[in-house]
Amino acid sequence: MTPKQSRDEIPPGTLDMLVLSTLARGTELHGFEIAEAIKRTSTDILLVEEGSLYPALQRLLMKGWIAGAPSHSFSVSAEVLA
């Protein structure tokens, strides 16, 4: 572990994979629902804050890996599921 990392940080890219795996369950979710699903699935170990979640959603939108808009619900893009 580097001096800049704390024990609570997850490696880069992990949040993107958590979001994709949450959305791959087949339901459209709002951002807060994605955060709650990650928290619930990890038995309250992983807490995703808005300041991390919405930039991750924006990255995934720009890559075309998810569909949606910040004020609406999100889902995995058909290309990712293919």
Protein backbone atom coordinates (compact mmCIF):
# COMPACT_ATOMS: atom_id res chain seq x y z
CA MET A 1 0.00 0.00 0.00
CA THR A 2 1.41 3.37 -0.96
CA PRO A 3 1.54 6.23 1.58
CA LYS A 4 -1.18 8.11 -0.33
CA GLN A 5 -3.66 5.22 -0.16
CA SER A 6 -5.76 4.64 2.89
CA ARG A 7 -7.10 1.28 3.90
CA ASP A 8 -10.60 2.39 2.87
CA GLU A 9 -9.77 3.20 -0.75
CA ILE A 10 -10.64 0.77 -3.50
CA PRO A 11 -8.36 0.33 -6.53
CA PRO A 12 -9.05 2.48 -9.62
CA GLY A 13 -11.67 0.94 -11.90
CA THR A 14 -13.30 -1.08 -9.13
CA LEU A 15 -16.23 1.30 -8.78
CA ASP A 16 -16.90 1.09 -12.52
CA MET A 17 -17.03 -2.71 -12.25
CA LEU A 18 -19.31 -2.53 -9.20
CA VAL A 19 -21.68 -0.22 -11.07
CA LEU A 20 -21.69 -2.46 -14.16
CA SER A 21 -22.25 -5.59 -12.11
CA THR A 22 -25.10 -3.90 -10.23
CA LEU A 23 -26.77 -2.77 -13.46
CA ALA A 24 -26.16 -6.13 -15.15
CA ARG A 25 -28.84 -7.61 -12.91
CA GLY A 26 -31.25 -6.23 -15.48
CA THR A 27 -33.04 -3.39 -13.75
CA GLU A 28 -32.81 0.33 -14.43
CA LEU A 29 -31.66 2.19 -11.34
CA HIS A 30 -31.19 5.80 -10.28
CA GLY A 31 -27.77 6.77 -8.94
CA PHE A 32 -28.83 6.59 -5.29
CA GLU A 33 -30.33 3.13 -5.94
CA ILE A 34 -27.01 1.97 -7.41
CA ALA A 35 -25.19 3.21 -4.30
CA GLU A 36 -27.73 1.47 -2.04
CA ALA A 37 -27.47 -1.77 -4.01
CA ILE A 38 -23.67 -1.77 -3.70
CA LYS A 39 -23.95 -1.07 0.02
CA ARG A 40 -26.53 -3.83 0.49
CA THR A 41 -24.62 -6.37 -1.61
CA SER A 42 -21.42 -5.70 0.33
CA THR A 43 -23.28 -5.99 3.66
CA ASP A 44 -22.64 -2.32 4.45
CA ILE A 45 -18.87 -2.54 3.86
CA LEU A 46 -18.71 -0.44 0.67
CA LEU A 47 -20.27 3.00 0.92
CA VAL A 48 -20.35 4.85 -2.40
CA GLU A 49 -20.65 8.60 -2.09
CA GLU A 50 -22.14 10.89 -4.74
CA GLY A 51 -18.74 12.52 -5.32
CA SER A 52 -17.42 9.16 -6.53
CA LEU A 53 -20.53 7.62 -8.05
CA TYR A 54 -21.62 10.35 -10.47
CA PRO A 55 -18.16 10.79 -12.07
CA ALA A 56 -18.04 7.00 -12.51
CA LEU A 57 -21.50 7.04 -14.13
CA GLN A 58 -20.36 9.86 -16.42
CA ARG A 59 -17.26 7.85 -17.45
CA LEU A 60 -19.40 4.79 -18.20
CA LEU A 61 -21.89 6.91 -20.17
CA MET A 62 -19.09 8.44 -22.25
CA LYS A 63 -17.70 4.97 -23.02
CA GLY A 64 -21.18 3.83 -24.08
CA TRP A 65 -21.19 1.07 -21.47
CA ILE A 66 -24.37 2.31 -19.80
CA ALA A 67 -27.39 4.22 -20.99
CA GLY A 68 -29.25 6.92 -19.09
CA ALA A 69 -28.82 10.44 -17.80
CA PRO A 70 -27.81 11.81 -14.41
CA SER A 71 -31.37 12.88 -13.58
CA HIS A 72 -32.86 9.59 -14.80
CA SER A 73 -32.25 5.90 -14.31
CA PHE A 74 -29.29 3.97 -15.73
CA SER A 75 -28.98 0.56 -17.37
CA VAL A 76 -26.22 -1.49 -19.00
CA SER A 77 -25.89 -0.85 -22.74
CA ALA A 78 -26.84 -3.67 -25.09
CA GLU A 79 -23.28 -3.67 -26.51
CA VAL A 80 -21.84 -4.52 -23.08
CA LEU A 81 -24.26 -7.40 -22.60
CA ALA A 82 -23.59 -8.83 -26.08
